[in-house]
């Protein structure tokens, strides 16, 4: 039996969707355990590009894919995603996709809350998809769950409770006048519930049963460790916990049943939105790397901020999650550079930190300490991909191998695979994952 959590090691956008798609050929069930449609996963397969927001990446390989109770669901987005995949020739029926009946629903007022807050002077750079507000409703016990959405009686009762409060508050605080009426909201969402009802399931019970039956289960997180609501660069974080421990809590299975944690690390660093980013590359160099790496958000299209690889982040994430291995992505994007600075520590207040200093009083004075490695210019990545299956890691250029070895040494985590192109075939295995 295999049971593995895949999480992002940085600020998200590391290429988790691609790695999950690659790995899930060996798994029976793939579970998305947190976040919402603020996190996009892009998968290149069969000559097509699939851009997923809510669905686990396992649907591309037609693996049983579950949206756990810790995920927040915009039913309009989910229905659109189902329709889009249908048009691409991938029919996603209830036998392939299941949505936990306890997952909370993003309602229209959550979007208005998000937009209103981001229009003020304290922006944090959210995607504006209502993710934070719906998690607030959940914590305040004002939430509407998927089981309410599919039951008109329960939905009407939930709207009677929630709608007047949100409508009045949005109007009085943010002068939001255009919130759809309660009657219109009921009609629209009751119809969405009718269409999505066949997909509802008890994901917790199903995953637990699959593990007891000896099936292989892959847990897929959204965002990255540095956006974790507890341990990231707060308040510039997401509204849930991407860390591996949350896979158990948000899916509803015992942590004793999850055996491995593997992380995805981009060969450089990116982040979207506001917040500290000490290794950020300013000027033309950063723009060039962004353009070459196509660093634009899957969900929003926003340009990502680009920086040098920061290994202190990987070490912090390793302490929080206990990585069994890491998958390195986008190594090929660095191939035009003569030198590659890598952050291995920070200095702040006369002290040296070998982990990312998330405490505000330390971070605001922190300066990255770099070690500079030689670049690997003019690499023939097509040849590397062709030879990767026979030569494995040895197919990489010498300086690229040294860069990966440096990552292993200073992160303290073994590299399992290296991605050198956008397709699922462009992955070179360094070490096989263990059960």
Protein backbone atom coordinates (compact mmCIF):
# COMPACT_ATOMS: atom_id res chain seq x y z
CA UNK A 1 0.00 0.00 0.00
CA UNK A 2 1.24 3.48 -0.91
CA UNK A 3 -0.09 6.60 0.81
CA UNK A 4 1.73 9.80 -0.11
CA UNK A 5 1.17 13.51 0.36
CA UNK A 6 2.42 15.84 -2.41
CA UNK A 7 2.90 19.45 -1.32
CA UNK A 8 4.51 22.59 -2.71
CA UNK A 9 7.74 23.61 -1.01
CA UNK A 10 7.64 27.33 -1.81
CA UNK A 11 4.88 29.92 -2.38
CA UNK A 12 2.90 27.69 -4.72
CA UNK A 13 3.10 27.34 -8.51
CA UNK A 14 5.89 24.75 -8.23
CA UNK A 15 4.34 22.35 -10.75
CA UNK A 16 2.46 20.07 -8.37
CA UNK A 17 -0.20 19.25 -10.95
CA UNK A 18 2.39 17.89 -13.35
CA UNK A 19 4.09 15.79 -10.67
CA UNK A 20 0.78 14.42 -9.38
CA UNK A 21 -0.19 13.52 -12.95
CA UNK A 22 3.15 11.77 -13.41
CA UNK A 23 3.02 9.87 -10.12
CA UNK A 24 -0.63 8.91 -10.03
CA UNK A 25 -0.18 6.19 -12.63
CA UNK A 26 0.89 4.10 -9.63
CA UNK A 27 -2.07 5.15 -7.44
CA UNK A 28 -5.71 4.14 -7.28
CA UNK A 29 -7.16 7.25 -5.65
CA UNK A 30 -6.11 10.92 -5.77
CA UNK A 31 -7.44 13.31 -3.13
CA UNK A 32 -7.38 17.13 -3.13
CA UNK A 33 -7.38 18.09 0.55
CA UNK A 34 -7.40 21.91 0.90
CA UNK A 35 -7.81 25.25 -0.84
CA UNK A 36 -10.27 26.09 -3.57
CA UNK A 37 -10.35 27.46 -7.10
CA UNK A 38 -7.66 29.97 -6.14
CA UNK A 39 -5.07 27.30 -6.98
CA UNK A 40 -4.51 26.17 -10.55
CA UNK A 41 -2.78 23.00 -11.69
CA UNK A 42 -1.59 22.73 -15.31
CA UNK A 43 -1.04 19.32 -16.91
CA UNK A 44 0.42 18.78 -20.41
CA UNK A 45 -0.68 15.36 -21.68
CA UNK A 46 -1.52 13.79 -25.01
CA UNK A 47 -0.83 17.01 -26.88
CA UNK A 48 -3.37 18.91 -24.78
CA UNK A 49 -3.01 21.41 -21.93
CA UNK A 50 -5.40 20.86 -19.04
CA UNK A 51 -5.82 23.75 -16.60
CA UNK A 52 -7.51 22.53 -13.44
CA UNK A 53 -8.72 24.64 -10.54
CA UNK A 54 -10.74 22.36 -8.27
CA UNK A 55 -10.37 18.88 -9.63
CA UNK A 56 -7.48 16.68 -8.53
CA UNK A 57 -4.93 16.12 -11.26
CA UNK A 58 -5.74 12.41 -11.18
CA UNK A 59 -8.78 12.97 -13.41
CA UNK A 60 -6.47 13.32 -16.44
CA UNK A 61 -5.37 9.69 -16.03
CA UNK A 62 -8.95 8.72 -15.10
CA UNK A 63 -8.09 7.80 -11.56
CA UNK A 64 -10.78 7.96 -8.88
CA UNK A 65 -10.45 11.58 -7.76
CA UNK A 66 -11.91 13.06 -4.59
CA UNK A 67 -12.44 16.60 -3.33
CA UNK A 68 -12.16 16.34 0.44
CA UNK A 69 -14.11 18.18 3.12
CA UNK A 70 -11.25 20.64 3.70
CA UNK A 71 -11.64 22.06 0.18
CA UNK A 72 -14.01 24.99 -0.46
CA UNK A 73 -16.06 24.62 -3.63
CA UNK A 74 -17.45 27.24 -5.97
CA UNK A 75 -20.18 25.18 -7.67
CA UNK A 76 -20.24 27.50 -10.70
CA UNK A 77 -16.51 26.94 -11.24
CA UNK A 78 -16.83 23.19 -10.72
CA UNK A 79 -19.65 22.94 -13.25
CA UNK A 80 -17.69 25.03 -15.77
CA UNK A 81 -14.63 22.85 -15.24
CA UNK A 82 -16.69 19.71 -15.89
CA UNK A 83 -18.10 21.26 -19.08
CA UNK A 84 -14.66 22.40 -20.29
CA UNK A 85 -13.13 18.96 -19.84
CA UNK A 86 -16.12 17.42 -21.61
CA UNK A 87 -15.43 19.64 -24.63
CA UNK A 88 -11.78 18.53 -24.53
CA UNK A 89 -12.89 14.91 -24.81
CA UNK A 90 -12.58 14.00 -21.13
CA UNK A 91 -15.92 13.07 -19.62
CA UNK A 92 -15.87 13.29 -15.80
CA UNK A 93 -18.76 11.31 -14.36
CA UNK A 94 -19.58 10.49 -10.70
CA UNK A 95 -17.65 7.22 -10.97
CA UNK A 96 -14.49 9.26 -11.60
CA UNK A 97 -15.05 12.34 -9.41
CA UNK A 98 -16.42 12.54 -5.88
CA UNK A 99 -17.05 15.64 -3.75
CA UNK A 100 -17.34 15.30 0.02
CA UNK A 101 -20.77 16.37 1.24
CA UNK A 102 -19.09 18.36 4.05
CA UNK A 103 -17.10 20.64 1.73
CA UNK A 104 -18.16 24.28 2.13
CA UNK A 105 -19.68 26.26 -0.72
CA UNK A 106 -18.47 29.62 -2.00
CA UNK A 107 -21.54 31.86 -2.27
CA UNK A 108 -21.86 35.18 -4.14
CA UNK A 109 -21.31 37.26 -1.01
CA UNK A 110 -17.93 35.65 -0.42
CA UNK A 111 -16.74 37.05 -3.76
CA UNK A 112 -17.99 40.51 -2.85
CA UNK A 113 -16.25 40.37 0.52
CA UNK A 114 -12.99 39.43 -1.17
CA UNK A 115 -13.22 42.16 -3.81
CA UNK A 116 -14.17 44.82 -1.27
CA UNK A 117 -11.23 44.07 0.99
CA UNK A 118 -8.74 43.99 -1.86
CA UNK A 119 -9.93 47.41 -3.01
CA UNK A 120 -8.79 48.95 0.28
CA UNK A 121 -5.39 50.02 1.53
CA UNK A 122 -4.45 46.65 3.07
CA UNK A 123 -4.20 44.43 0.00
CA UNK A 124 -2.55 41.06 0.34
CA UNK A 125 -2.93 40.06 -3.29
CA UNK A 126 -5.66 37.41 -3.09
CA UNK A 127 -7.13 35.92 -6.24
CA UNK A 128 -10.50 37.47 -5.37
CA UNK A 129 -12.23 34.08 -5.57
CA UNK A 130 -13.89 34.30 -2.15
CA UNK A 131 -11.64 31.70 -0.56
CA UNK A 132 -10.77 33.58 2.64
CA UNK A 133 -14.35 34.72 3.32
CA UNK A 134 -15.79 31.22 2.90
CA UNK A 135 -13.26 29.80 5.35
CA UNK A 136 -14.32 32.59 7.72
CA UNK A 137 -17.95 31.53 7.34
CA UNK A 138 -16.94 27.96 8.02
CA UNK A 139 -15.04 28.88 11.19
CA UNK A 140 -17.91 31.11 12.36
CA UNK A 141 -20.38 28.26 11.75
CA UNK A 142 -22.31 30.33 9.19
CA UNK A 143 -21.27 28.17 6.26
CA UNK A 144 -23.29 26.40 3.59
CA UNK A 145 -22.05 22.92 2.76
CA UNK A 146 -22.39 20.79 -0.34
CA UNK A 147 -25.07 18.70 1.38
CA UNK A 148 -27.14 21.90 1.76
CA UNK A 149 -26.59 22.85 -1.86
CA UNK A 150 -28.16 19.64 -3.16
CA UNK A 151 -31.15 19.75 -0.80
CA UNK A 152 -33.56 22.61 -1.63
CA UNK A 153 -35.11 22.61 1.84
CA UNK A 154 -31.73 22.83 3.56
CA UNK A 155 -30.49 25.41 1.05
CA UNK A 156 -33.48 27.66 1.64
CA UNK A 157 -33.03 27.42 5.41
CA UNK A 158 -29.31 28.19 5.10
CA UNK A 159 -30.04 31.24 2.92
CA UNK A 160 -32.65 32.48 5.38
CA UNK A 161 -29.95 32.45 8.04
CA UNK A 162 -26.95 33.74 6.10
CA UNK A 163 -28.19 36.01 3.32
CA UNK A 164 -29.67 38.90 5.38
CA UNK A 165 -26.56 39.22 7.54
CA UNK A 166 -24.13 39.29 4.63
CA UNK A 167 -26.29 41.59 2.50
CA UNK A 168 -26.70 44.13 5.31
CA UNK A 169 -23.04 44.05 6.33
CA UNK A 170 -21.74 44.41 2.77
CA UNK A 171 -24.08 47.34 2.15
CA UNK A 172 -23.31 49.20 5.37
CA UNK A 173 -19.54 48.65 5.46
CA UNK A 174 -18.55 48.47 1.78
CA UNK A 175 -21.57 50.06 0.08
CA UNK A 176 -22.17 46.92 -1.99
CA UNK A 177 -25.60 47.36 -3.56
CA UNK A 178 -25.61 44.78 -6.34
CA UNK A 179 -25.71 41.49 -4.38
CA UNK A 180 -28.16 39.18 -6.19
CA UNK A 181 -31.49 38.76 -4.42
CA UNK A 182 -32.03 35.86 -2.08
CA UNK A 183 -34.66 34.43 -4.42
CA UNK A 184 -32.38 34.61 -7.46
CA UNK A 185 -29.52 33.12 -5.46
CA UNK A 186 -31.72 30.24 -4.35
CA UNK A 187 -32.88 29.48 -7.89
CA UNK A 188 -29.36 29.54 -9.34
CA UNK A 189 -27.71 27.51 -6.61
CA UNK A 190 -30.54 24.99 -6.24
CA UNK A 191 -30.10 24.23 -9.95
CA UNK A 192 -26.33 23.86 -9.48
CA UNK A 193 -27.05 21.53 -6.58
CA UNK A 194 -29.34 19.44 -8.75
CA UNK A 195 -26.62 19.05 -11.38
CA UNK A 196 -23.84 18.28 -8.90
CA UNK A 197 -25.76 15.99 -6.54
CA UNK A 198 -24.61 12.76 -8.26
CA UNK A 199 -21.00 13.63 -7.39
CA UNK A 200 -21.51 13.85 -3.63
CA UNK A 201 -19.83 11.24 -1.48
CA UNK A 202 -18.25 10.64 1.91
CA UNK A 203 -14.62 11.12 0.85
CA UNK A 204 -13.35 10.45 4.36
CA UNK A 205 -14.96 7.04 4.56
CA UNK A 206 -13.98 6.19 1.00
CA UNK A 207 -10.30 7.05 1.46
CA UNK A 208 -10.16 5.20 4.75
CA UNK A 209 -11.73 2.15 3.14
CA UNK A 210 -9.36 2.31 0.19
CA UNK A 211 -6.33 2.37 2.50
CA UNK A 212 -7.70 -0.53 4.56
CA UNK A 213 -8.17 -2.48 1.34
CA UNK A 214 -4.49 -1.97 0.45
CA UNK A 215 -5.10 0.55 -2.33
CA UNK A 216 -2.65 3.33 -3.14
CA UNK A 217 -3.79 6.86 -2.27
CA UNK A 218 -2.15 10.13 -3.31
CA UNK A 219 -3.02 13.30 -1.37
CA UNK A 220 -2.68 16.47 -3.42
CA UNK A 221 -2.25 19.86 -1.76
CA UNK A 222 -2.75 23.32 -3.22
CA UNK A 223 -0.49 26.38 -2.82
CA UNK A 224 2.81 25.89 -0.94
CA UNK A 225 4.28 25.73 2.54
CA UNK A 226 5.15 29.43 2.65
CA UNK A 227 1.47 30.29 2.14
CA UNK A 228 0.38 28.15 5.08
CA UNK A 229 -2.00 30.11 7.33
CA UNK A 230 -0.02 29.15 10.43
CA UNK A 231 3.59 28.92 9.30
CA UNK A 232 3.87 31.04 6.16
CA UNK A 233 4.62 34.74 5.68
CA UNK A 234 1.50 35.85 7.55
CA UNK A 235 -0.67 37.81 6.74
CA UNK A 236 0.39 37.29 3.12
CA UNK A 237 -0.78 33.69 3.14
CA UNK A 238 -3.69 31.57 2.01
CA UNK A 239 -6.69 30.76 4.20
CA UNK A 240 -5.95 27.08 4.78
CA UNK A 241 -3.04 24.82 5.66
CA UNK A 242 -1.08 23.28 2.75
CA UNK A 243 1.26 21.48 5.18
CA UNK A 244 1.27 17.70 5.13
CA UNK A 245 -0.34 17.34 8.56
CA UNK A 246 -3.49 18.91 7.19
CA UNK A 247 -3.93 16.11 4.66
CA UNK A 248 -5.10 13.94 7.53
CA UNK A 249 -7.28 16.55 9.21
CA UNK A 250 -8.95 17.85 6.03
CA UNK A 251 -9.54 14.45 4.46
CA UNK A 252 -10.58 12.66 7.62
CA UNK A 253 -8.12 9.77 7.86
CA UNK A 254 -5.74 8.83 10.62
CA UNK A 255 -2.25 10.36 10.27
CA UNK A 256 -0.92 6.87 10.99
CA UNK A 257 -2.19 5.78 7.59
CA UNK A 258 -0.16 8.36 5.62
CA UNK A 259 3.31 6.93 5.05
CA UNK A 260 5.22 9.42 2.87
CA UNK A 261 5.56 13.12 2.21
CA UNK A 262 7.09 14.29 -1.06
CA UNK A 263 7.53 17.91 -2.08
CA UNK A 264 7.74 19.78 -5.36
CA UNK A 265 10.46 22.44 -5.66
CA UNK A 266 10.84 24.87 -8.53
CA UNK A 267 14.51 25.28 -9.52
CA UNK A 268 14.11 28.99 -8.77
CA UNK A 269 11.49 30.76 -6.65
CA UNK A 270 8.24 32.56 -7.49
CA UNK A 271 5.34 34.04 -5.61
CA UNK A 272 2.11 35.82 -6.54
CA UNK A 273 0.68 38.80 -4.70
CA UNK A 274 2.11 40.93 -1.94
CA UNK A 275 4.42 39.86 0.85
CA UNK A 276 8.12 39.48 1.62
CA UNK A 277 10.34 37.95 -1.06
CA UNK A 278 14.01 38.58 -0.17
CA UNK A 279 15.52 36.72 -3.16
CA UNK A 280 13.32 38.50 -5.71
CA UNK A 281 15.16 39.46 -8.91
CA UNK A 282 14.56 43.08 -9.88
CA UNK A 283 14.64 44.62 -13.35
CA UNK A 284 15.12 43.02 -16.75
CA UNK A 285 16.72 39.83 -15.44
CA UNK A 286 13.59 38.98 -13.48
CA UNK A 287 11.31 39.81 -16.40
CA UNK A 288 13.38 37.64 -18.74
CA UNK A 289 13.20 34.66 -16.40
CA UNK A 290 9.45 35.23 -15.92
CA UNK A 291 8.82 35.25 -19.66
CA UNK A 292 10.93 32.19 -20.34
CA UNK A 293 9.32 30.24 -17.52
CA UNK A 294 5.82 31.45 -18.50
CA UNK A 295 5.35 32.58 -14.93
CA UNK A 296 1.77 33.76 -15.09
CA UNK A 297 -0.98 32.51 -12.81
CA UNK A 298 -3.07 29.57 -14.04
CA UNK A 299 -6.19 30.99 -12.38
CA UNK A 300 -5.74 34.76 -12.72
CA UNK A 301 -3.08 35.20 -15.40
CA UNK A 302 -1.21 37.58 -13.08
CA UNK A 303 2.56 37.82 -13.59
CA UNK A 304 4.44 36.02 -10.85
CA UNK A 305 7.31 37.62 -9.00
CA UNK A 306 10.54 35.75 -9.74
CA UNK A 307 13.60 35.17 -7.55
CA UNK A 308 16.62 32.97 -6.97
CA UNK A 309 16.32 29.57 -5.37
CA UNK A 310 15.99 29.86 -1.58
CA UNK A 311 17.05 26.68 0.20
CA UNK A 312 16.21 28.06 3.64
CA UNK A 313 12.56 27.71 2.65
CA UNK A 314 13.08 24.04 1.78
CA UNK A 315 14.76 23.41 5.13
CA UNK A 316 11.91 25.10 6.98
CA UNK A 317 9.40 23.04 5.04
CA UNK A 318 11.35 19.87 5.75
CA UNK A 319 11.15 20.58 9.47
CA UNK A 320 7.41 21.19 9.27
CA UNK A 321 6.58 18.28 6.97
CA UNK A 322 9.38 15.69 7.10
CA UNK A 323 10.08 15.35 3.39
CA UNK A 324 10.96 11.90 2.12
CA UNK A 325 12.06 13.34 -1.21
CA UNK A 326 11.66 16.25 -3.58
CA UNK A 327 10.75 16.65 -7.24
CA UNK A 328 12.61 19.51 -8.94
CA UNK A 329 10.77 21.34 -11.73
CA UNK A 330 11.71 23.86 -14.45
CA UNK A 331 15.44 23.21 -14.29
CA UNK A 332 15.63 23.92 -18.02
CA UNK A 333 14.42 27.51 -17.53
CA UNK A 334 17.74 28.42 -15.89
CA UNK A 335 19.89 27.25 -18.81
CA UNK A 336 20.66 30.68 -20.34
CA UNK A 337 22.36 32.08 -17.25
CA UNK A 338 26.12 32.27 -16.67
CA UNK A 339 25.81 32.21 -12.88
CA UNK A 340 23.14 30.96 -10.50
CA UNK A 341 23.02 32.57 -7.03
CA UNK A 342 21.38 30.32 -4.43
CA UNK A 343 20.30 31.53 -1.00
CA UNK A 344 21.60 29.22 1.73
CA UNK A 345 21.11 31.39 4.84
CA UNK A 346 20.00 34.78 6.14
CA UNK A 347 21.68 37.39 8.27
CA UNK A 348 19.62 39.62 10.53
CA UNK A 349 20.54 41.57 13.63
CA UNK A 350 24.03 40.12 13.74
CA UNK A 351 22.76 36.54 13.64
CA UNK A 352 22.80 33.92 10.88
CA UNK A 353 19.67 31.89 10.19
CA UNK A 354 19.82 28.64 8.23
CA UNK A 355 16.03 28.65 7.85
CA UNK A 356 13.66 31.29 6.49
CA UNK A 357 13.01 33.79 9.33
CA UNK A 358 9.24 34.25 9.25
CA UNK A 359 9.12 36.33 12.42
CA UNK A 360 8.41 39.92 11.28
CA UNK A 361 10.99 41.62 13.48
CA UNK A 362 13.71 39.36 12.08
CA UNK A 363 12.54 39.14 8.49
CA UNK A 364 12.27 42.89 7.93
CA UNK A 365 16.03 43.22 8.56
CA UNK A 366 17.09 39.93 6.97
CA UNK A 367 19.49 39.78 4.04
CA UNK A 368 19.97 36.60 2.00
CA UNK A 369 23.37 34.93 1.98
CA UNK A 370 24.15 33.60 -1.51
CA UNK A 371 26.45 30.97 -2.88
CA UNK A 372 26.98 31.30 -6.62
CA UNK A 373 27.09 28.25 -8.88
CA UNK A 374 28.12 28.03 -12.51
CA UNK A 375 25.29 28.03 -15.02
CA UNK A 376 24.61 25.37 -17.61
CA UNK A 377 24.19 27.35 -20.80
CA UNK A 378 23.42 25.89 -24.22
CA UNK A 379 22.05 22.63 -22.85
CA UNK A 380 20.24 20.54 -25.46
CA UNK A 381 17.12 19.69 -23.48
CA UNK A 382 15.55 17.72 -26.30
CA UNK A 383 18.56 15.40 -26.22
CA UNK A 384 18.39 15.28 -22.43
CA UNK A 385 14.74 14.18 -22.62
CA UNK A 386 15.52 11.54 -25.25
CA UNK A 387 18.40 10.11 -23.26
CA UNK A 388 16.70 10.48 -19.88
CA UNK A 389 14.93 7.14 -20.06
CA UNK A 390 18.15 5.21 -20.71
CA UNK A 391 20.74 7.30 -18.87
CA UNK A 392 18.56 8.72 -16.12
CA UNK A 393 20.18 11.50 -14.11
CA UNK A 394 23.41 11.15 -16.10
CA UNK A 395 21.61 12.60 -19.13
CA UNK A 396 21.77 16.05 -17.51
CA UNK A 397 24.64 18.46 -18.27
CA UNK A 398 27.43 18.39 -15.68
CA UNK A 399 26.67 21.82 -14.17
CA UNK A 400 22.96 21.00 -13.99
CA UNK A 401 23.81 17.83 -12.05
CA UNK A 402 25.97 19.90 -9.72
CA UNK A 403 23.10 22.35 -9.19
CA UNK A 404 20.75 19.50 -8.23
CA UNK A 405 23.38 17.92 -5.97
CA UNK A 406 23.85 21.31 -4.26
CA UNK A 407 20.11 21.44 -3.65
CA UNK A 408 20.17 17.99 -2.08
CA UNK A 409 23.12 18.78 0.14
CA UNK A 410 21.89 22.10 1.50
CA UNK A 411 18.20 21.18 1.74
CA UNK A 412 18.91 17.85 3.36
CA UNK A 413 16.33 16.14 1.15
CA UNK A 414 16.99 13.60 -1.62
CA UNK A 415 15.91 14.56 -5.16
CA UNK A 416 13.58 11.96 -6.65
CA UNK A 417 13.02 13.48 -10.09
CA UNK A 418 14.00 16.44 -12.24
CA UNK A 419 11.66 18.07 -14.74
CA UNK A 420 13.27 19.61 -17.84
CA UNK A 421 10.21 20.46 -19.94
CA UNK A 422 6.43 20.97 -19.75
CA UNK A 423 5.28 17.48 -20.74
CA UNK A 424 4.82 14.46 -18.50
CA UNK A 425 7.53 12.72 -20.57
CA UNK A 426 10.06 15.43 -19.67
CA UNK A 427 10.69 14.05 -16.20
CA UNK A 428 13.99 12.35 -15.40
CA UNK A 429 13.99 9.98 -12.46
CA UNK A 430 16.91 10.24 -10.04
CA UNK A 431 15.62 7.90 -7.37
CA UNK A 432 12.50 5.79 -7.25
CA UNK A 433 9.88 6.68 -4.63
CA UNK A 434 9.58 4.05 -1.94
CA UNK A 435 6.28 2.60 -0.71
